[in-house]
Amino acid sequence: MKRIHVDANVILRFLRNDDPLQSPQAAALFQQAQASEDIELIVSAITVMEVFYVLSRVYGLPRAEAARLLAEFLHTGVATCPEDEIVLDALARITGQKTSFGDAYLAASTVTDNAEAASFDQGMKSFPDVRLYPWKRI
């Protein structure tokens, strides 16, 4: 099986369908992967973060809409995200709160791993299911 790691710009061209040359190429790649068992497309958590950032900051989509688009894309199964459970949890977390994808990912991975999060970011307290590392005064 041929494994292909997909860059954020390919996903963006596919989701936005805004480039007359690159958008059809991106769509063809995803169609080829869906139709064939010889190709596996891989999307990393970092790539998802980059796409979310570009959709929300550059294109001005509301955060909830950007997260919804990405979650729908990941749910299609056309591409594999090795940490899909954590990434999808992070996307759900950023829709309800004013937090970065990085913080939402940290919260999701902490909960999945049944661990504590060490952070100085006060926003981490907004995740009730996250156990925070108890900092000691020095």
Protein backbone atom coordinates (compact mmCIF):
# COMPACT_ATOMS: atom_id res chain seq x y z
CA MET A 1 0.00 0.00 0.00
CA LYS A 2 1.24 3.44 -0.90
CA ARG A 3 1.10 5.85 2.07
CA ILE A 4 0.85 9.57 1.33
CA HIS A 5 1.09 12.27 4.00
CA VAL A 6 -1.18 15.16 3.04
CA ASP A 7 -0.19 18.80 3.54
CA ALA A 8 -2.59 21.43 4.85
CA ASN A 9 -2.68 23.27 1.53
CA VAL A 10 -4.08 20.18 -0.23
CA ILE A 11 -6.89 19.89 2.33
CA LEU A 12 -7.58 23.62 2.09
CA ARG A 13 -7.80 23.50 -1.71
CA PHE A 14 -10.21 20.59 -1.41
CA LEU A 15 -12.40 22.14 1.30
CA ARG A 16 -12.43 25.63 -0.21
CA ASN A 17 -12.56 24.60 -3.89
CA ASP A 18 -11.05 28.00 -4.65
CA ASP A 19 -8.20 27.29 -7.05
CA PRO A 20 -8.92 26.27 -10.65
CA LEU A 21 -5.80 24.08 -10.87
CA GLN A 22 -5.10 22.80 -7.37
CA SER A 23 -8.66 22.21 -6.11
CA PRO A 24 -9.49 19.61 -8.80
CA GLN A 25 -6.14 17.91 -8.20
CA ALA A 26 -6.83 17.70 -4.47
CA ALA A 27 -10.33 16.34 -5.12
CA ALA A 28 -8.92 13.74 -7.53
CA LEU A 29 -6.41 12.57 -4.92
CA PHE A 30 -9.13 12.11 -2.30
CA GLN A 31 -11.39 10.34 -4.82
CA GLN A 32 -8.55 8.05 -5.84
CA ALA A 33 -7.88 7.17 -2.20
CA GLN A 34 -11.56 6.41 -1.59
CA ALA A 35 -11.80 4.23 -4.69
CA SER A 36 -8.58 2.30 -4.19
CA GLU A 37 -7.23 0.15 -1.42
CA ASP A 38 -3.72 0.79 -2.74
CA ILE A 39 -3.49 4.32 -1.33
CA GLU A 40 -3.66 5.48 2.27
CA LEU A 41 -3.75 9.21 2.95
CA ILE A 42 -2.34 10.34 6.30
CA VAL A 43 -3.21 13.62 8.01
CA SER A 44 -1.27 14.59 11.12
CA ALA A 45 -2.62 16.49 14.12
CA ILE A 46 -0.26 19.35 13.21
CA THR A 47 -1.79 19.50 9.73
CA VAL A 48 -5.29 19.64 11.23
CA MET A 49 -4.13 22.48 13.48
CA GLU A 50 -2.74 24.36 10.49
CA VAL A 51 -5.93 23.92 8.45
CA PHE A 52 -8.04 25.07 11.41
CA TYR A 53 -5.85 28.15 11.82
CA VAL A 54 -6.04 29.10 8.14
CA LEU A 55 -9.80 28.53 7.93
CA SER A 56 -10.53 30.59 11.02
CA ARG A 57 -7.89 33.30 10.77
CA VAL A 58 -7.15 33.74 7.07
CA TYR A 59 -10.58 32.88 5.62
CA GLY A 60 -12.46 34.28 8.63
CA LEU A 61 -14.73 31.28 9.19
CA PRO A 62 -16.25 31.13 12.64
CA ARG A 63 -14.27 28.72 14.80
CA ALA A 64 -17.23 26.36 15.14
CA GLU A 65 -17.65 26.22 11.36
CA ALA A 66 -13.94 25.58 10.78
CA ALA A 67 -13.97 22.80 13.39
CA ARG A 68 -17.14 21.31 11.89
CA LEU A 69 -15.64 21.23 8.38
CA LEU A 70 -12.51 19.52 9.64
CA ALA A 71 -14.42 17.01 11.74
CA GLU A 72 -16.65 16.15 8.77
CA PHE A 73 -13.56 15.73 6.59
CA LEU A 74 -11.96 13.38 9.13
CA HIS A 75 -15.20 11.41 9.54
CA THR A 76 -15.33 10.64 5.80
CA GLY A 77 -12.52 8.15 6.26
CA VAL A 78 -10.79 9.31 3.09
CA ALA A 79 -7.69 10.03 5.16
CA THR A 80 -6.29 8.53 8.33
CA CYS A 81 -5.32 10.67 11.28
CA PRO A 82 -3.17 8.59 13.63
CA GLU A 83 -4.52 10.49 16.65
CA ASP A 84 -8.06 10.90 15.36
CA GLU A 85 -9.74 10.39 18.74
CA ILE A 86 -7.70 13.18 20.34
CA VAL A 87 -7.93 15.47 17.27
CA LEU A 88 -11.72 15.11 17.06
CA ASP A 89 -11.99 15.77 20.81
CA ALA A 90 -9.82 18.88 20.39
CA LEU A 91 -12.02 20.11 17.53
CA ALA A 92 -15.09 19.64 19.73
CA ARG A 93 -13.40 21.54 22.57
CA ILE A 94 -12.50 24.58 20.48
CA THR A 95 -16.07 25.06 19.31
CA GLY A 96 -17.35 25.70 22.81
CA GLN A 97 -14.49 27.76 24.17
CA LYS A 98 -12.17 30.57 23.20
CA THR A 99 -9.03 28.47 23.27
CA SER A 100 -6.30 27.58 20.82
CA PHE A 101 -6.18 24.26 19.03
CA GLY A 102 -2.95 23.55 20.90
CA ASP A 103 -4.60 23.99 24.30
CA ALA A 104 -7.65 21.99 23.21
CA TYR A 105 -5.33 19.24 21.97
CA LEU A 106 -3.42 19.27 25.26
CA ALA A 107 -6.71 18.97 27.16
CA ALA A 108 -7.94 16.13 24.94
CA SER A 109 -4.67 14.21 25.13
CA THR A 110 -4.47 14.68 28.89
CA VAL A 111 -7.97 13.28 29.39
CA THR A 112 -7.37 10.40 26.95
CA ASP A 113 -4.17 9.49 28.77
CA ASN A 114 -5.78 9.93 32.23
CA ALA A 115 -2.94 12.29 33.11
CA GLU A 116 -2.43 15.80 34.47
CA ALA A 117 -1.71 18.91 32.43
CA ALA A 118 1.12 21.21 33.48
CA SER A 119 0.32 24.64 32.13
CA PHE A 120 0.52 28.25 33.25
CA ASP A 121 -2.38 29.07 30.92
CA GLN A 122 -5.39 30.04 33.04
CA GLY A 123 -7.65 28.98 30.18
CA MET A 124 -6.89 25.35 30.94
CA LYS A 125 -9.12 25.72 34.01
CA SER A 126 -12.08 26.06 31.64
CA PHE A 127 -11.90 22.34 30.85
CA PRO A 128 -13.64 20.71 33.82
CA ASP A 129 -12.46 17.22 32.89
CA VAL A 130 -8.77 18.16 32.85
CA ARG A 131 -6.75 17.54 35.98
CA LEU A 132 -4.16 20.26 36.37
CA TYR A 133 -0.70 19.73 37.81
CA PRO A 134 -0.68 21.28 41.32
CA TRP A 135 2.05 23.90 41.11
CA LYS A 136 3.88 24.52 44.36
CA ARG A 137 5.11 27.93 45.42
CA ILE A 138 8.89 28.16 45.39
